[in-house]
Amino acid sequence: MLSLPRLLTVILPLVGLASWGPMSRSLTAQESPAGGSLVIQDSPPAATTPAPTTPAATTPAATTPAPTTPAPTTPAPTTPAPTTPAPTPPAATPPAATPPAATPPAAAPTTDPEPVSIAPVIAPLKLDIARRDLKNFLTDPEALTAYRGPDGLTDSLPEVFVIGSNAVPRAVFWDPLACRLLGVLDLEAPVPPATAPVVAPASNDVEQENAPVESETPEAPAPPSPYLLLAAGPAPLTGSGGAGGAPRYFGFRLVGGMPEFLYTFGLLTVEERLWLEEEGTVLKQRFSVRDARRGIQLTLPEEWRRRATASVGTWKKNVLSVPNESTGEVILTYRLTEVAPEPADSN
């Protein structure tokens, strides 16, 4: 039986409470009922009999206002010292003393730079994906190594992934045997005309010997390759730490309509995703490599370098070095339209 998740009690501190001291008391001076100070007079004992103490004896003349002059009742006894302003409650220190830390640093805007390129959630162009047996169109000896067997070089490329999109005259090829991008074909490239062999007309030997020798016409230059990208050299991750042997493909999946190929290469586990952007004029290739403790190196064919830019890493000629903290997402961008050659020392 699964245990229920523990409930965490959040204790919120009480804010704004202040400890107040004892309430100050306002002292009010009260005058005596007599209205003044008492005057004591010495008199003989007879004078202390009840008779002499008749009200007549205490005539107003005896209690003339002169002794009760305001001078004895000077405000000195009621000095304001007892009512010092010290007991004034700390209300004079308003809650404004609450540190402005309660208002955080206005959530200082993060200044982390945006990555140069990130993978989209959904494919910018709807892609058509199929698997086809193709005639082997590779020409580089090192790239053909994966297709050599006991009987020699294979003439076909079985079950290659072909990726394209409607109204985009380009086809992208990815091979699960070599676990690499094989190339990009321009479907609008001109097809070179087939040259029919020239057959010399029949003639007798005498005329052929006496015939002037014709100068050989130079051969026409070979037409440009219809492949905008064509695999050459070793597999891209060959120079990475932990890579060894031959890569092993174990499946693919669709991520937002984009094919993502899964394979291992030695100790590395690789996810490789492809998609098209900008109406098919840009190809994006995303690598996500796990267990690359020493980072990775991506080696591209030299002809690809002038078309390629990278989201992270440092270029040295046609080799991209990526530190281990950035191997989770490395995106290569290939411009499929004609671009000017880059300087040799460009990054």
Protein backbone atom coordinates (compact mmCIF):
# COMPACT_ATOMS: atom_id res chain seq x y z
CA MET A 1 0.00 0.00 0.00
CA LEU A 2 1.46 3.36 -1.04
CA SER A 3 2.10 5.79 1.78
CA LEU A 4 0.31 9.09 1.53
CA PRO A 5 2.52 12.10 1.00
CA ARG A 6 3.35 13.97 4.17
CA LEU A 7 1.57 17.22 4.69
CA LEU A 8 3.86 20.08 5.44
CA THR A 9 2.62 22.72 7.90
CA VAL A 10 3.66 26.22 6.94
CA ILE A 11 3.99 28.51 9.93
CA LEU A 12 3.57 32.12 8.89
CA PRO A 13 5.26 34.67 11.20
CA LEU A 14 3.01 37.35 12.59
CA VAL A 15 4.08 40.70 11.25
CA GLY A 16 3.22 44.14 12.57
CA LEU A 17 2.83 43.28 16.28
CA ALA A 18 4.74 45.62 18.64
CA SER A 19 5.30 45.19 22.36
CA TRP A 20 3.94 48.16 24.17
CA GLY A 21 5.12 49.20 27.70
CA PRO A 22 2.77 50.01 30.60
CA MET A 23 0.36 52.76 29.78
CA SER A 24 1.48 56.21 30.95
CA ARG A 25 -0.65 57.83 33.54
CA SER A 26 -1.54 61.53 33.38
CA LEU A 27 -1.03 63.15 36.76
CA THR A 28 -3.63 65.82 37.72
CA ALA A 29 -2.89 68.22 40.56
CA GLN A 30 -5.88 68.84 42.85
CA GLU A 31 -6.23 71.80 45.18
CA SER A 32 -7.26 71.32 48.78
CA PRO A 33 -10.89 72.25 49.75
CA ALA A 34 -9.60 75.14 51.79
CA GLY A 35 -8.36 76.74 48.73
CA GLY A 36 -4.96 77.54 50.22
CA SER A 37 -2.32 76.55 52.73
CA LEU A 38 -3.04 75.98 56.45
CA VAL A 39 -1.78 78.62 58.96
CA ILE A 40 -1.11 77.38 62.54
CA GLN A 41 -1.15 80.07 65.33
CA ASP A 42 0.11 79.58 68.91
CA SER A 43 -2.44 80.64 71.65
CA PRO A 44 -2.85 80.12 75.50
CA PRO A 45 -4.62 77.04 76.79
CA ALA A 46 -7.75 78.99 77.60
CA ALA A 47 -7.97 79.93 74.10
CA THR A 48 -8.23 76.24 73.36
CA THR A 49 -11.52 75.88 75.26
CA PRO A 50 -14.56 75.22 73.18
CA ALA A 51 -15.96 78.64 73.91
CA PRO A 52 -13.13 80.60 72.49
CA THR A 53 -13.16 78.42 69.45
CA THR A 54 -16.46 79.79 68.38
CA PRO A 55 -16.70 80.88 64.85
CA ALA A 56 -16.54 84.44 66.06
CA ALA A 57 -12.99 83.81 67.23
CA THR A 58 -12.13 82.78 63.76
CA THR A 59 -13.21 86.03 62.29
CA PRO A 60 -12.39 86.63 58.71
CA ALA A 61 -9.99 89.28 59.87
CA ALA A 62 -7.83 86.58 61.44
CA THR A 63 -7.87 84.69 58.23
CA THR A 64 -7.13 87.67 56.11
CA PRO A 65 -6.27 86.89 52.54
CA ALA A 66 -2.83 88.29 53.12
CA PRO A 67 -1.50 85.06 54.65
CA THR A 68 -3.15 83.16 51.87
CA THR A 69 -1.33 85.04 49.21
CA PRO A 70 -0.84 83.15 45.98
CA ALA A 71 2.88 83.14 46.64
CA PRO A 72 2.73 80.09 48.95
CA THR A 73 0.74 78.26 46.32
CA THR A 74 3.41 78.68 43.69
CA PRO A 75 3.28 76.10 40.94
CA ALA A 76 6.66 74.86 42.10
CA PRO A 77 5.17 71.85 43.93
CA THR A 78 3.42 70.82 40.76
CA THR A 79 6.50 70.92 38.59
CA PRO A 80 6.05 69.25 35.23
CA ALA A 81 8.89 66.91 36.09
CA PRO A 82 6.53 64.10 37.11
CA THR A 83 4.78 64.39 33.80
CA THR A 84 7.90 63.85 31.73
CA PRO A 85 7.26 63.03 28.05
CA ALA A 86 9.22 59.81 28.47
CA PRO A 87 6.09 57.70 29.07
CA THR A 88 4.82 58.72 25.65
CA PRO A 89 3.91 55.35 24.09
CA PRO A 90 6.18 54.01 21.35
CA ALA A 91 3.43 54.87 18.92
CA ALA A 92 5.78 57.66 17.96
CA THR A 93 7.79 54.86 16.30
CA PRO A 94 5.18 53.90 13.68
CA PRO A 95 5.11 50.48 12.04
CA ALA A 96 7.01 52.13 9.25
CA ALA A 97 9.99 50.79 11.13
CA THR A 98 9.08 47.46 9.52
CA PRO A 99 12.10 46.90 7.28
CA PRO A 100 11.37 47.34 3.58
CA ALA A 101 12.74 43.85 3.14
CA ALA A 102 9.11 42.75 3.16
CA THR A 103 9.01 44.16 -0.34
CA PRO A 104 11.62 41.95 -2.06
CA PRO A 105 14.19 43.51 -4.33
CA ALA A 106 11.46 44.00 -6.92
CA ALA A 107 12.32 40.60 -8.31
CA ALA A 108 15.45 41.86 -9.98
CA PRO A 109 15.10 40.89 -13.62
CA THR A 110 17.24 37.92 -14.48
CA THR A 111 20.07 38.97 -16.68
CA ASP A 112 20.98 35.46 -17.74
CA PRO A 113 21.52 35.59 -21.49
CA GLU A 114 19.03 33.78 -23.64
CA PRO A 115 20.47 30.76 -25.44
CA VAL A 116 21.35 31.34 -29.03
CA SER A 117 18.93 28.65 -30.13
CA ILE A 118 16.47 26.39 -28.37
CA ALA A 119 14.41 23.51 -29.63
CA PRO A 120 10.79 24.43 -30.43
CA VAL A 121 7.92 22.68 -28.71
CA ILE A 122 6.20 21.95 -32.03
CA ALA A 123 7.86 21.52 -35.42
CA PRO A 124 7.78 24.85 -37.30
CA LEU A 125 7.07 22.90 -40.50
CA LYS A 126 4.94 19.79 -40.68
CA LEU A 127 7.28 16.96 -41.57
CA ASP A 128 6.73 13.81 -43.59
CA ILE A 129 8.79 10.88 -42.34
CA ALA A 130 9.28 7.59 -44.17
CA ARG A 131 11.76 4.72 -44.33
CA ARG A 132 13.21 3.72 -47.68
CA ASP A 133 15.85 1.42 -49.12
CA LEU A 134 18.17 3.67 -51.07
CA LYS A 135 21.06 3.15 -53.39
CA ASN A 136 24.32 3.88 -51.61
CA PHE A 137 25.13 7.46 -52.62
CA LEU A 138 28.08 8.03 -50.25
CA THR A 139 31.51 8.59 -51.75
CA ASP A 140 33.83 9.23 -48.78
CA PRO A 141 35.89 6.12 -47.86
CA GLU A 142 35.72 6.80 -44.11
CA ALA A 143 31.99 7.38 -44.18
CA LEU A 144 31.57 4.10 -46.09
CA THR A 145 33.31 2.10 -43.33
CA ALA A 146 30.00 1.31 -41.63
CA TYR A 147 28.75 -0.33 -44.85
CA ARG A 148 31.63 -2.69 -45.47
CA GLY A 149 31.03 -6.32 -44.67
CA PRO A 150 32.75 -9.66 -45.31
CA ASP A 151 31.57 -9.50 -48.91
CA GLY A 152 32.74 -5.97 -49.45
CA LEU A 153 30.86 -2.70 -49.74
CA THR A 154 27.07 -2.85 -49.78
CA ASP A 155 25.34 -1.20 -52.72
CA SER A 156 22.22 -0.20 -50.80
CA LEU A 157 21.29 1.69 -47.67
CA PRO A 158 18.44 -0.25 -46.04
CA GLU A 159 15.57 1.46 -44.19
CA VAL A 160 17.01 4.95 -44.17
CA PHE A 161 14.80 7.66 -42.61
CA VAL A 162 13.72 10.18 -45.24
CA ILE A 163 12.44 13.48 -43.85
CA GLY A 164 10.75 16.20 -45.88
CA SER A 165 7.87 18.63 -45.99
CA ASN A 166 5.25 19.70 -48.52
CA ALA A 167 6.38 22.48 -50.87
CA VAL A 168 9.97 22.12 -49.60
CA PRO A 169 12.28 20.87 -52.37
CA ARG A 170 14.70 19.16 -50.03
CA ALA A 171 15.02 15.69 -48.54
CA VAL A 172 16.94 14.85 -45.36
CA PHE A 173 18.46 11.38 -44.82
CA TRP A 174 19.33 9.82 -41.46
CA ASP A 175 20.72 6.28 -41.24
CA PRO A 176 20.07 3.99 -38.21
CA LEU A 177 23.01 1.75 -39.15
CA ALA A 178 25.69 4.43 -38.92
CA CYS A 179 23.56 6.56 -36.52
CA ARG A 180 24.28 9.76 -38.36
CA LEU A 181 22.90 12.37 -40.71
CA LEU A 182 23.82 11.16 -44.20
CA GLY A 183 22.94 14.26 -46.17
CA VAL A 184 20.43 16.73 -47.57
CA LEU A 185 19.36 16.44 -51.22
CA ASP A 186 18.27 19.45 -53.25
CA LEU A 187 15.35 18.13 -55.29
CA GLU A 188 15.53 21.11 -57.65
CA ALA A 189 19.17 20.69 -58.53
CA PRO A 190 19.70 20.30 -62.28
CA VAL A 191 20.28 16.76 -63.43
CA PRO A 192 23.40 16.51 -65.58
CA PRO A 193 22.56 15.38 -69.11
CA ALA A 194 23.61 11.87 -69.99
CA THR A 195 26.40 11.93 -72.52
CA ALA A 196 26.02 9.30 -75.21
CA PRO A 197 29.26 7.64 -76.28
CA VAL A 198 30.60 8.91 -79.61
CA VAL A 199 31.00 6.16 -82.21
CA ALA A 200 33.49 6.90 -84.98
CA PRO A 201 32.18 6.27 -88.53
CA ALA A 202 33.54 3.25 -90.39
CA SER A 203 36.42 4.06 -92.75
CA ASN A 204 39.28 2.24 -94.42
CA ASP A 205 42.66 2.15 -92.79
CA VAL A 206 44.37 4.26 -95.47
CA GLU A 207 42.02 7.20 -95.04
CA GLN A 208 42.28 6.94 -91.27
CA GLU A 209 46.08 7.07 -91.41
CA ASN A 210 46.05 10.11 -93.72
CA ALA A 211 43.38 11.93 -91.71
CA PRO A 212 44.64 14.90 -89.67
CA VAL A 213 44.87 14.37 -85.95
CA GLU A 214 42.08 16.26 -84.17
CA SER A 215 42.90 18.02 -80.96
CA GLU A 216 41.15 16.59 -77.95
CA THR A 217 38.41 18.84 -76.57
CA PRO A 218 38.64 19.43 -72.81
CA GLU A 219 36.03 17.66 -70.76
CA ALA A 220 33.21 19.78 -69.41
CA PRO A 221 33.45 20.47 -65.66
CA ALA A 222 31.42 18.15 -63.51
CA PRO A 223 28.10 19.65 -62.49
CA PRO A 224 27.71 20.59 -58.82
CA SER A 225 26.51 17.87 -56.50
CA PRO A 226 22.77 17.89 -55.83
CA TYR A 227 23.59 17.15 -52.17
CA LEU A 228 23.73 20.28 -50.05
CA LEU A 229 25.17 18.17 -47.23
CA LEU A 230 26.88 14.82 -47.73
CA ALA A 231 28.39 12.69 -44.96
CA ALA A 232 32.16 12.39 -44.86
CA GLY A 233 34.70 11.40 -42.25
CA PRO A 234 33.96 9.66 -38.94
CA ALA A 235 30.69 9.74 -37.00
CA PRO A 236 30.19 13.17 -35.37
CA LEU A 237 30.75 12.06 -31.75
CA THR A 238 33.80 9.91 -32.44
CA GLY A 239 36.25 12.24 -30.67
CA SER A 240 34.19 12.51 -27.48
CA GLY A 241 35.34 11.05 -24.18
CA GLY A 242 33.49 7.80 -23.53
CA ALA A 243 32.67 7.17 -27.19
CA GLY A 244 34.00 3.92 -28.54
CA GLY A 245 33.20 1.13 -30.93
CA ALA A 246 30.26 1.50 -33.30
CA PRO A 247 27.08 3.38 -32.35
CA ARG A 248 24.02 1.21 -31.65
CA TYR A 249 20.56 2.42 -32.59
CA PHE A 250 17.65 1.40 -30.34
CA GLY A 251 14.66 3.44 -31.51
CA PHE A 252 13.13 6.78 -32.39
CA ARG A 253 10.20 8.89 -31.26
CA LEU A 254 8.29 11.97 -32.31
CA VAL A 255 8.68 15.06 -30.16
CA GLY A 256 6.26 17.77 -31.23
CA GLY A 257 6.18 16.31 -34.72
CA MET A 258 9.99 16.16 -34.95
CA PRO A 259 11.84 12.82 -35.24
CA GLU A 260 14.26 12.09 -32.42
CA PHE A 261 16.68 9.19 -32.86
CA LEU A 262 17.98 7.27 -29.86
CA TYR A 263 21.28 5.41 -29.75
CA THR A 264 24.30 4.64 -27.63
CA PHE A 265 27.89 5.31 -28.56
CA GLY A 266 30.23 3.58 -26.15
CA LEU A 267 29.35 4.97 -22.73
CA LEU A 268 27.31 7.83 -24.15
CA THR A 269 23.52 7.86 -24.51
CA VAL A 270 22.45 10.14 -27.34
CA GLU A 271 19.23 11.79 -28.46
CA GLU A 272 19.44 13.36 -31.91
CA ARG A 273 16.55 15.43 -33.27
CA LEU A 274 16.03 16.96 -36.73
CA TRP A 275 13.61 19.57 -38.08
CA LEU A 276 13.30 22.25 -40.77
CA GLU A 277 12.70 25.97 -40.34
CA GLU A 278 12.28 29.11 -42.45
CA GLU A 279 10.34 27.42 -45.24
CA GLY A 280 12.88 24.64 -45.47
CA THR A 281 15.95 26.82 -45.96
CA VAL A 282 17.33 25.97 -42.51
CA LEU A 283 17.98 22.54 -40.98
CA LYS A 284 18.31 22.18 -37.21
CA GLN A 285 20.07 19.25 -35.52
CA ARG A 286 19.81 18.88 -31.75
CA PHE A 287 22.10 16.63 -29.70
CA SER A 288 21.40 15.73 -26.08
CA VAL A 289 24.16 13.53 -24.62
CA ARG A 290 24.13 11.91 -21.21
CA ASP A 291 27.07 10.50 -19.25
CA ALA A 292 29.49 12.85 -21.00
CA ARG A 293 31.62 13.61 -17.98
CA ARG A 294 34.39 15.19 -20.01
CA GLY A 295 32.14 17.02 -22.44
CA ILE A 296 31.75 16.12 -26.09
CA GLN A 297 33.31 16.88 -29.44
CA LEU A 298 31.25 17.10 -32.62
CA THR A 299 33.26 16.66 -35.80
CA LEU A 300 31.57 17.86 -38.98
CA PRO A 301 32.66 17.32 -42.57
CA GLU A 302 34.77 20.26 -43.63
CA GLU A 303 32.25 21.16 -46.35
CA TRP A 304 29.53 21.50 -43.71
CA ARG A 305 31.39 23.94 -41.51
CA ARG A 306 30.69 27.03 -43.62
CA ARG A 307 26.96 26.36 -43.32
CA ALA A 308 26.92 25.53 -39.60
CA THR A 309 26.54 27.54 -36.42
CA ALA A 310 26.21 26.19 -32.87
CA SER A 311 24.17 27.23 -29.83
CA VAL A 312 27.01 26.42 -27.40
CA GLY A 313 30.63 25.37 -27.52
CA THR A 314 33.80 26.52 -29.22
CA TRP A 315 34.85 25.82 -32.78
CA LYS A 316 38.32 24.80 -33.84
CA LYS A 317 38.13 24.44 -37.59
CA ASN A 318 35.39 21.83 -38.10
CA VAL A 319 35.40 20.44 -34.52
CA LEU A 320 32.99 21.79 -31.92
CA SER A 321 34.00 21.31 -28.26
CA VAL A 322 31.17 21.44 -25.70
CA PRO A 323 31.77 21.36 -21.90
CA ASN A 324 29.99 18.71 -19.86
CA GLU A 325 27.54 21.19 -18.26
CA SER A 326 26.18 22.08 -21.73
CA THR A 327 25.82 18.64 -23.30
CA GLY A 328 22.11 18.45 -22.40
CA GLU A 329 21.24 20.54 -25.46
CA VAL A 330 23.52 21.36 -28.37
CA ILE A 331 21.79 22.70 -31.48
CA LEU A 332 23.50 22.97 -34.85
CA THR A 333 21.95 25.21 -37.47
CA TYR A 334 22.67 24.58 -41.16
CA ARG A 335 21.90 27.20 -43.79
CA LEU A 336 20.75 25.26 -46.85
CA THR A 337 20.91 28.20 -49.20
CA GLU A 338 24.20 29.25 -50.73
CA VAL A 339 26.48 31.01 -48.27
CA ALA A 340 29.88 32.58 -48.68
CA PRO A 341 32.82 30.53 -47.38
CA GLU A 342 33.85 31.46 -43.84
CA PRO A 343 37.42 32.42 -42.91
CA ALA A 344 39.51 29.53 -41.68
CA ASP A 345 39.95 31.03 -38.19
CA SER A 346 36.26 31.88 -37.70
CA ASN A 347 34.35 30.49 -34.74
